[in-house]
C-alpha cells in the first residue's frame, strides 16, 4: 500500500478529510487505505458523528453540503436534503478503490464487528501489522 491513513476522531471534519484525500490519491493512481480506530469507528458504526464547535452551525452545514457538491463529494443525507451524511462518502471512497479497515482492537473493545458500515472491512492484527510495516507512508496517530 502506498499510503495508510489512521483516522481516530469521530468528527465530520476529520472523516471528510480522510475520505476526500484518499479518494483523490486513488484517482491519482495510489493504493490508499484508511484504518478507523476508537472514536471514528464508534461514530461510523453507531451514527454518532459530531461536528467540532466551529462547524456546528446550520449555515456552516449548508456551506459544507454545497462545497461538497462542487468538489464531487457525496455527502447528502437521504433523510435531510440540507444535512450531511458520511455514508455516501464511504461508498464513494470504496468505489474509488480506497481500502477501509476497522481497527481490530477497537472493534473488539466496543463489540462493533457486527455493526461495521458497508465497505468497512474487518482486519486481523497480523494482517494490520503487515499493512503498517509494508506501507510506504503511514499518516495519523493512534
N, C-alpha and C. Protein backbone atom coordinates (compact mmCIF):
# COMPACT_ATOMS: atom_id res chain seq x y z
N UNK A 1 0.86 -1.17 0.00
CA UNK A 1 0.00 0.00 0.00
C UNK A 1 0.90 1.23 0.00
N UNK A 2 0.50 2.23 -0.78
CA UNK A 2 1.29 3.46 -0.82
C UNK A 2 1.10 4.28 0.45
N UNK A 3 -0.15 4.50 0.83
CA UNK A 3 -0.45 5.35 1.98
C UNK A 3 -1.54 4.71 2.82
N UNK A 4 -1.30 4.65 4.13
CA UNK A 4 -2.30 4.20 5.08
C UNK A 4 -2.57 5.36 6.03
N UNK A 5 -3.80 5.85 6.02
CA UNK A 5 -4.22 6.88 6.96
C UNK A 5 -4.81 6.21 8.19
N UNK A 6 -4.53 6.77 9.35
CA UNK A 6 -5.16 6.32 10.58
C UNK A 6 -6.09 7.43 11.04
N UNK A 7 -7.38 7.12 11.07
CA UNK A 7 -8.41 8.11 11.44
C UNK A 7 -8.98 7.71 12.80
N UNK A 8 -8.77 8.54 13.80
CA UNK A 8 -9.24 8.20 15.14
C UNK A 8 -10.34 9.11 15.65
N UNK A 9 -10.53 10.27 15.03
CA UNK A 9 -11.52 11.23 15.52
C UNK A 9 -12.86 11.05 14.81
N UNK A 10 -13.91 10.91 15.60
CA UNK A 10 -15.25 10.75 15.06
C UNK A 10 -15.94 12.07 14.83
N UNK A 11 -15.27 12.96 14.16
CA UNK A 11 -15.82 14.28 13.84
C UNK A 11 -15.94 14.39 12.32
N UNK A 12 -16.98 15.09 11.88
CA UNK A 12 -17.20 15.22 10.45
C UNK A 12 -15.98 15.76 9.71
N UNK A 13 -15.32 16.77 10.27
CA UNK A 13 -14.19 17.34 9.53
C UNK A 13 -13.06 16.33 9.35
N UNK A 14 -12.79 15.54 10.36
CA UNK A 14 -11.74 14.54 10.26
C UNK A 14 -12.11 13.44 9.27
N UNK A 15 -13.33 12.93 9.38
CA UNK A 15 -13.76 11.87 8.47
C UNK A 15 -13.80 12.34 7.02
N UNK A 16 -14.35 13.53 6.80
CA UNK A 16 -14.41 14.07 5.43
C UNK A 16 -13.01 14.23 4.86
N UNK A 17 -12.09 14.79 5.66
CA UNK A 17 -10.71 14.97 5.18
C UNK A 17 -10.07 13.65 4.79
N UNK A 18 -10.15 12.66 5.68
CA UNK A 18 -9.52 11.37 5.39
C UNK A 18 -10.11 10.73 4.13
N UNK A 19 -11.42 10.77 4.00
CA UNK A 19 -12.06 10.15 2.84
C UNK A 19 -11.78 10.93 1.56
N UNK A 20 -11.88 12.25 1.61
CA UNK A 20 -11.65 13.06 0.40
C UNK A 20 -10.20 12.96 -0.08
N UNK A 21 -9.24 13.05 0.83
CA UNK A 21 -7.83 12.91 0.43
C UNK A 21 -7.58 11.53 -0.18
N UNK A 22 -8.16 10.50 0.44
CA UNK A 22 -7.94 9.14 -0.05
C UNK A 22 -8.53 8.94 -1.43
N UNK A 23 -9.73 9.47 -1.66
CA UNK A 23 -10.35 9.38 -2.99
C UNK A 23 -9.45 10.05 -4.03
N UNK A 24 -8.96 11.24 -3.71
CA UNK A 24 -8.10 11.98 -4.66
C UNK A 24 -6.81 11.21 -4.95
N UNK A 25 -6.21 10.65 -3.92
CA UNK A 25 -4.97 9.90 -4.12
C UNK A 25 -5.21 8.64 -4.95
N UNK A 26 -6.33 7.96 -4.72
CA UNK A 26 -6.65 6.78 -5.53
C UNK A 26 -6.86 7.16 -6.99
N UNK A 27 -7.51 8.28 -7.22
CA UNK A 27 -7.71 8.74 -8.60
C UNK A 27 -6.37 9.04 -9.26
N UNK A 28 -5.38 9.40 -8.45
CA UNK A 28 -4.04 9.66 -8.97
C UNK A 28 -3.18 8.41 -9.08
N UNK A 29 -3.77 7.25 -8.85
CA UNK A 29 -3.04 6.00 -9.05
C UNK A 29 -2.40 5.41 -7.81
N UNK A 30 -2.60 6.02 -6.67
CA UNK A 30 -2.02 5.48 -5.43
C UNK A 30 -2.92 4.41 -4.84
N UNK A 31 -2.32 3.48 -4.11
CA UNK A 31 -3.07 2.50 -3.33
C UNK A 31 -3.18 3.07 -1.93
N UNK A 32 -4.42 3.29 -1.47
CA UNK A 32 -4.65 4.01 -0.22
C UNK A 32 -5.62 3.23 0.66
N UNK A 33 -5.34 3.25 1.96
CA UNK A 33 -6.24 2.65 2.93
C UNK A 33 -6.47 3.60 4.08
N UNK A 34 -7.59 3.39 4.76
CA UNK A 34 -7.88 4.14 5.99
C UNK A 34 -8.20 3.13 7.07
N UNK A 35 -7.54 3.27 8.21
CA UNK A 35 -7.82 2.48 9.39
C UNK A 35 -8.62 3.35 10.35
N UNK A 36 -9.86 2.95 10.63
CA UNK A 36 -10.70 3.69 11.56
C UNK A 36 -10.53 3.09 12.95
N UNK A 37 -10.17 3.93 13.92
CA UNK A 37 -9.96 3.46 15.29
C UNK A 37 -10.88 4.24 16.23
N UNK A 38 -10.96 3.78 17.47
CA UNK A 38 -11.64 4.47 18.56
C UNK A 38 -12.89 5.24 18.22
N UNK A 39 -12.83 6.55 18.43
CA UNK A 39 -13.97 7.45 18.26
C UNK A 39 -14.50 7.45 16.83
N UNK A 40 -13.61 7.38 15.84
CA UNK A 40 -14.06 7.36 14.44
C UNK A 40 -14.85 6.09 14.15
N UNK A 41 -14.36 4.97 14.63
CA UNK A 41 -15.04 3.70 14.39
C UNK A 41 -16.39 3.67 15.11
N UNK A 42 -16.41 4.13 16.34
CA UNK A 42 -17.66 4.19 17.10
C UNK A 42 -18.68 5.07 16.38
N UNK A 43 -18.25 6.22 15.91
CA UNK A 43 -19.14 7.13 15.20
C UNK A 43 -19.70 6.54 13.92
N UNK A 44 -18.84 5.89 13.14
CA UNK A 44 -19.29 5.28 11.89
C UNK A 44 -20.28 4.15 12.14
N UNK A 45 -20.03 3.36 13.16
CA UNK A 45 -20.88 2.20 13.43
C UNK A 45 -22.20 2.56 14.10
N UNK A 46 -22.21 3.60 14.89
CA UNK A 46 -23.40 3.94 15.66
C UNK A 46 -24.04 5.26 15.24
N UNK A 47 -23.52 5.87 14.17
CA UNK A 47 -24.11 7.11 13.67
C UNK A 47 -23.96 8.29 14.61
N UNK A 48 -22.96 8.23 15.47
CA UNK A 48 -22.75 9.30 16.46
C UNK A 48 -21.57 10.17 16.05
N UNK A 49 -21.65 10.73 14.86
CA UNK A 49 -20.59 11.59 14.35
C UNK A 49 -20.95 13.02 14.73
N UNK A 50 -19.99 13.72 15.27
CA UNK A 50 -20.24 15.07 15.75
C UNK A 50 -19.52 16.10 14.89
N UNK A 51 -19.92 17.35 15.10
CA UNK A 51 -19.24 18.48 14.47
C UNK A 51 -18.38 19.14 15.52
N UNK A 52 -17.19 19.60 15.15
CA UNK A 52 -16.46 20.44 16.09
C UNK A 52 -17.25 21.73 16.30
N UNK A 53 -17.08 22.37 17.42
CA UNK A 53 -17.86 23.56 17.76
C UNK A 53 -17.85 24.61 16.64
N UNK A 54 -16.72 24.79 16.01
CA UNK A 54 -16.61 25.84 14.98
C UNK A 54 -17.37 25.51 13.70
N UNK A 55 -17.81 24.26 13.54
CA UNK A 55 -18.53 23.86 12.32
C UNK A 55 -19.96 23.41 12.62
N UNK A 56 -20.47 23.74 13.79
CA UNK A 56 -21.76 23.19 14.22
C UNK A 56 -22.98 23.98 13.77
N UNK A 57 -22.83 25.18 13.28
CA UNK A 57 -23.98 26.00 12.90
C UNK A 57 -24.69 25.51 11.64
N UNK A 58 -25.95 25.82 11.54
CA UNK A 58 -26.77 25.41 10.39
C UNK A 58 -26.20 25.97 9.09
N UNK A 59 -25.80 27.23 9.09
CA UNK A 59 -25.26 27.84 7.87
C UNK A 59 -23.95 27.16 7.45
N UNK A 60 -23.14 26.79 8.42
CA UNK A 60 -21.88 26.11 8.10
C UNK A 60 -22.17 24.74 7.49
N UNK A 61 -23.15 24.04 8.04
CA UNK A 61 -23.52 22.72 7.50
C UNK A 61 -24.01 22.84 6.05
N UNK A 62 -24.80 23.88 5.78
CA UNK A 62 -25.26 24.11 4.41
C UNK A 62 -24.07 24.40 3.49
N UNK A 63 -23.13 25.19 3.98
CA UNK A 63 -21.94 25.52 3.19
C UNK A 63 -21.12 24.26 2.90
N UNK A 64 -21.00 23.38 3.89
CA UNK A 64 -20.26 22.12 3.69
C UNK A 64 -20.94 21.28 2.62
N UNK A 65 -22.27 21.14 2.71
CA UNK A 65 -23.02 20.35 1.73
C UNK A 65 -22.85 20.94 0.33
N UNK A 66 -22.92 22.25 0.21
CA UNK A 66 -22.77 22.91 -1.08
C UNK A 66 -21.33 22.74 -1.60
N UNK A 67 -20.37 22.94 -0.73
CA UNK A 67 -18.97 22.79 -1.12
C UNK A 67 -18.64 21.37 -1.55
N UNK A 68 -19.27 20.40 -0.88
CA UNK A 68 -19.05 19.00 -1.24
C UNK A 68 -19.49 18.74 -2.68
N UNK A 69 -20.62 19.34 -3.06
CA UNK A 69 -21.11 19.19 -4.44
C UNK A 69 -20.07 19.69 -5.43
N UNK A 70 -19.49 20.85 -5.15
CA UNK A 70 -18.50 21.44 -6.05
C UNK A 70 -17.22 20.61 -6.12
N UNK A 71 -16.93 19.87 -5.06
CA UNK A 71 -15.73 19.03 -5.03
C UNK A 71 -16.01 17.62 -5.56
N UNK A 72 -17.27 17.33 -5.87
CA UNK A 72 -17.63 16.00 -6.34
C UNK A 72 -17.69 14.96 -5.24
N UNK A 73 -17.94 15.42 -4.00
CA UNK A 73 -18.01 14.51 -2.85
C UNK A 73 -19.46 14.23 -2.50
N UNK A 74 -19.77 12.98 -2.26
CA UNK A 74 -21.14 12.56 -1.92
C UNK A 74 -21.34 12.66 -0.42
N UNK A 75 -22.05 13.70 0.01
CA UNK A 75 -22.30 13.90 1.44
C UNK A 75 -23.76 14.12 1.78
N UNK A 76 -24.64 14.07 0.80
CA UNK A 76 -26.04 14.42 1.07
C UNK A 76 -26.75 13.36 1.87
N UNK A 77 -27.53 13.80 2.82
CA UNK A 77 -28.34 12.91 3.65
C UNK A 77 -29.64 12.59 2.91
N UNK A 78 -29.99 11.31 2.88
CA UNK A 78 -31.26 10.90 2.27
C UNK A 78 -32.44 11.38 3.11
N UNK A 79 -32.24 11.49 4.42
CA UNK A 79 -33.31 11.91 5.32
C UNK A 79 -33.51 13.42 5.34
N UNK A 80 -32.41 14.16 5.20
CA UNK A 80 -32.47 15.61 5.30
C UNK A 80 -31.66 16.20 4.15
N UNK A 81 -32.33 16.69 3.08
CA UNK A 81 -31.61 17.19 1.91
C UNK A 81 -30.61 18.30 2.21
N UNK A 82 -30.80 19.02 3.31
CA UNK A 82 -29.86 20.08 3.66
C UNK A 82 -28.80 19.59 4.64
N UNK A 83 -28.92 18.33 5.06
CA UNK A 83 -27.99 17.78 6.03
C UNK A 83 -26.85 17.02 5.38
N UNK A 84 -25.98 16.51 6.22
CA UNK A 84 -24.80 15.79 5.77
C UNK A 84 -24.86 14.37 6.31
N UNK A 85 -24.46 13.42 5.50
CA UNK A 85 -24.39 12.02 5.88
C UNK A 85 -23.07 11.48 5.36
N UNK A 86 -22.29 10.86 6.21
CA UNK A 86 -20.97 10.37 5.82
C UNK A 86 -21.05 9.07 5.01
N UNK A 87 -22.15 8.32 5.13
CA UNK A 87 -22.24 7.01 4.47
C UNK A 87 -22.09 7.08 2.95
N UNK A 88 -22.70 8.04 2.25
CA UNK A 88 -22.46 8.10 0.80
C UNK A 88 -21.00 8.35 0.45
N UNK A 89 -20.30 9.09 1.29
CA UNK A 89 -18.87 9.35 1.04
C UNK A 89 -18.05 8.08 1.29
N UNK A 90 -18.44 7.28 2.27
CA UNK A 90 -17.78 5.97 2.48
C UNK A 90 -17.93 5.11 1.23
N UNK A 91 -19.14 5.08 0.67
CA UNK A 91 -19.39 4.30 -0.54
C UNK A 91 -18.57 4.84 -1.70
N UNK A 92 -18.52 6.16 -1.84
CA UNK A 92 -17.74 6.78 -2.91
C UNK A 92 -16.26 6.40 -2.76
N UNK A 93 -15.75 6.43 -1.53
CA UNK A 93 -14.35 6.07 -1.29
C UNK A 93 -14.10 4.61 -1.67
N UNK A 94 -14.96 3.72 -1.22
CA UNK A 94 -14.82 2.30 -1.54
C UNK A 94 -14.86 2.10 -3.05
N UNK A 95 -15.81 2.75 -3.72
CA UNK A 95 -15.94 2.62 -5.17
C UNK A 95 -14.74 3.21 -5.92
N UNK A 96 -14.03 4.13 -5.28
CA UNK A 96 -12.83 4.74 -5.87
C UNK A 96 -11.58 3.89 -5.64
N UNK A 97 -11.73 2.83 -4.85
CA UNK A 97 -10.60 1.94 -4.60
C UNK A 97 -9.94 2.11 -3.24
N UNK A 98 -10.48 2.98 -2.40
CA UNK A 98 -9.92 3.16 -1.05
C UNK A 98 -10.24 1.92 -0.23
N UNK A 99 -9.23 1.39 0.44
CA UNK A 99 -9.42 0.24 1.33
C UNK A 99 -9.79 0.77 2.71
N UNK A 100 -10.92 0.34 3.25
CA UNK A 100 -11.45 0.84 4.51
C UNK A 100 -11.40 -0.28 5.55
N UNK A 101 -10.67 -0.03 6.65
CA UNK A 101 -10.48 -1.06 7.67
C UNK A 101 -10.97 -0.61 9.03
N UNK A 102 -11.52 -1.55 9.79
CA UNK A 102 -11.88 -1.32 11.19
C UNK A 102 -10.74 -1.83 12.06
N UNK A 103 -10.27 -1.00 12.98
CA UNK A 103 -9.20 -1.39 13.89
C UNK A 103 -9.64 -2.63 14.68
N UNK A 104 -8.85 -3.69 14.65
CA UNK A 104 -9.26 -4.91 15.35
C UNK A 104 -9.32 -4.72 16.87
N UNK A 105 -8.49 -3.86 17.41
CA UNK A 105 -8.52 -3.62 18.86
C UNK A 105 -9.84 -2.96 19.24
N UNK A 106 -10.17 -1.84 18.56
CA UNK A 106 -11.39 -1.10 18.91
C UNK A 106 -12.66 -1.83 18.50
N UNK A 107 -12.59 -2.59 17.43
CA UNK A 107 -13.76 -3.38 17.03
C UNK A 107 -14.14 -4.35 18.14
N UNK A 108 -13.12 -4.95 18.74
CA UNK A 108 -13.37 -5.91 19.82
C UNK A 108 -13.69 -5.22 21.14
N UNK A 109 -12.98 -4.15 21.48
CA UNK A 109 -13.26 -3.44 22.73
C UNK A 109 -14.70 -2.94 22.78
N UNK A 110 -15.18 -2.42 21.65
CA UNK A 110 -16.52 -1.83 21.59
C UNK A 110 -17.57 -2.80 21.03
N UNK A 111 -17.13 -4.03 20.72
CA UNK A 111 -18.04 -5.05 20.17
C UNK A 111 -18.80 -4.53 18.94
N UNK A 112 -18.02 -4.06 17.96
CA UNK A 112 -18.59 -3.42 16.77
C UNK A 112 -18.53 -4.28 15.51
N UNK A 113 -17.96 -5.47 15.58
CA UNK A 113 -17.77 -6.27 14.36
C UNK A 113 -19.06 -6.47 13.58
N UNK A 114 -20.18 -6.65 14.26
CA UNK A 114 -21.45 -6.88 13.57
C UNK A 114 -22.10 -5.58 13.10
N UNK A 115 -21.54 -4.44 13.48
CA UNK A 115 -22.14 -3.14 13.15
C UNK A 115 -21.35 -2.36 12.11
N UNK A 116 -20.32 -2.94 11.54
CA UNK A 116 -19.48 -2.19 10.61
C UNK A 116 -20.30 -1.71 9.42
N UNK A 117 -20.11 -0.44 9.03
CA UNK A 117 -20.83 0.06 7.85
C UNK A 117 -20.37 -0.67 6.59
N UNK A 118 -21.24 -0.68 5.61
CA UNK A 118 -20.91 -1.32 4.34
C UNK A 118 -19.62 -0.71 3.78
N UNK A 119 -18.73 -1.59 3.36
CA UNK A 119 -17.47 -1.14 2.78
C UNK A 119 -16.31 -1.11 3.76
N UNK A 120 -16.60 -1.10 5.06
CA UNK A 120 -15.53 -1.12 6.08
C UNK A 120 -15.30 -2.58 6.46
N UNK A 121 -14.07 -3.03 6.28
CA UNK A 121 -13.73 -4.45 6.48
C UNK A 121 -13.04 -4.69 7.82
N UNK A 122 -13.27 -5.88 8.33
CA UNK A 122 -12.51 -6.32 9.49
C UNK A 122 -11.12 -6.71 9.00
N UNK A 123 -10.14 -6.55 9.87
CA UNK A 123 -8.77 -6.93 9.53
C UNK A 123 -8.16 -7.54 10.79
N UNK A 124 -7.38 -8.58 10.64
CA UNK A 124 -6.73 -9.20 11.80
C UNK A 124 -5.53 -8.35 12.21
N UNK A 125 -5.10 -8.54 13.45
CA UNK A 125 -3.91 -7.81 13.92
C UNK A 125 -2.70 -8.18 13.07
N UNK A 126 -2.57 -9.44 12.73
CA UNK A 126 -1.44 -9.88 11.93
C UNK A 126 -1.43 -9.18 10.57
N UNK A 127 -2.58 -9.16 9.91
CA UNK A 127 -2.68 -8.51 8.59
C UNK A 127 -2.46 -7.00 8.73
N UNK A 128 -3.00 -6.40 9.80
CA UNK A 128 -2.80 -4.96 10.02
C UNK A 128 -1.32 -4.64 10.22
N UNK A 129 -0.62 -5.44 10.99
CA UNK A 129 0.81 -5.21 11.20
C UNK A 129 1.56 -5.33 9.88
N UNK A 130 1.16 -6.27 9.03
CA UNK A 130 1.77 -6.39 7.69
C UNK A 130 1.51 -5.13 6.87
N UNK A 131 0.26 -4.65 6.89
CA UNK A 131 -0.09 -3.44 6.12
C UNK A 131 0.69 -2.22 6.62
N UNK A 132 0.78 -2.07 7.94
CA UNK A 132 1.50 -0.92 8.50
C UNK A 132 2.98 -0.99 8.13
N UNK A 133 3.59 -2.15 8.29
CA UNK A 133 5.02 -2.25 8.04
C UNK A 133 5.37 -2.21 6.56
N UNK A 134 4.43 -2.57 5.69
CA UNK A 134 4.75 -2.55 4.26
C UNK A 134 4.29 -1.28 3.54
N UNK A 135 3.50 -0.45 4.22
CA UNK A 135 3.04 0.79 3.60
C UNK A 135 4.21 1.75 3.43
N UNK A 136 4.20 2.47 2.32
CA UNK A 136 5.26 3.45 2.08
C UNK A 136 5.14 4.59 3.09
N UNK A 137 3.91 5.04 3.35
CA UNK A 137 3.67 6.10 4.35
C UNK A 137 2.48 5.71 5.20
N UNK A 138 2.62 5.95 6.50
CA UNK A 138 1.51 5.81 7.44
C UNK A 138 1.30 7.20 8.04
N UNK A 139 0.09 7.71 7.88
CA UNK A 139 -0.22 9.08 8.32
C UNK A 139 -1.34 9.04 9.34
N UNK A 140 -1.05 9.59 10.51
CA UNK A 140 -2.06 9.65 11.57
C UNK A 140 -1.49 9.11 12.85
N UNK A 141 -2.30 9.18 13.87
CA UNK A 141 -1.85 8.72 15.17
C UNK A 141 -2.86 7.80 15.82
N UNK A 142 -2.35 6.97 16.68
CA UNK A 142 -3.22 6.06 17.41
C UNK A 142 -3.62 6.70 18.70
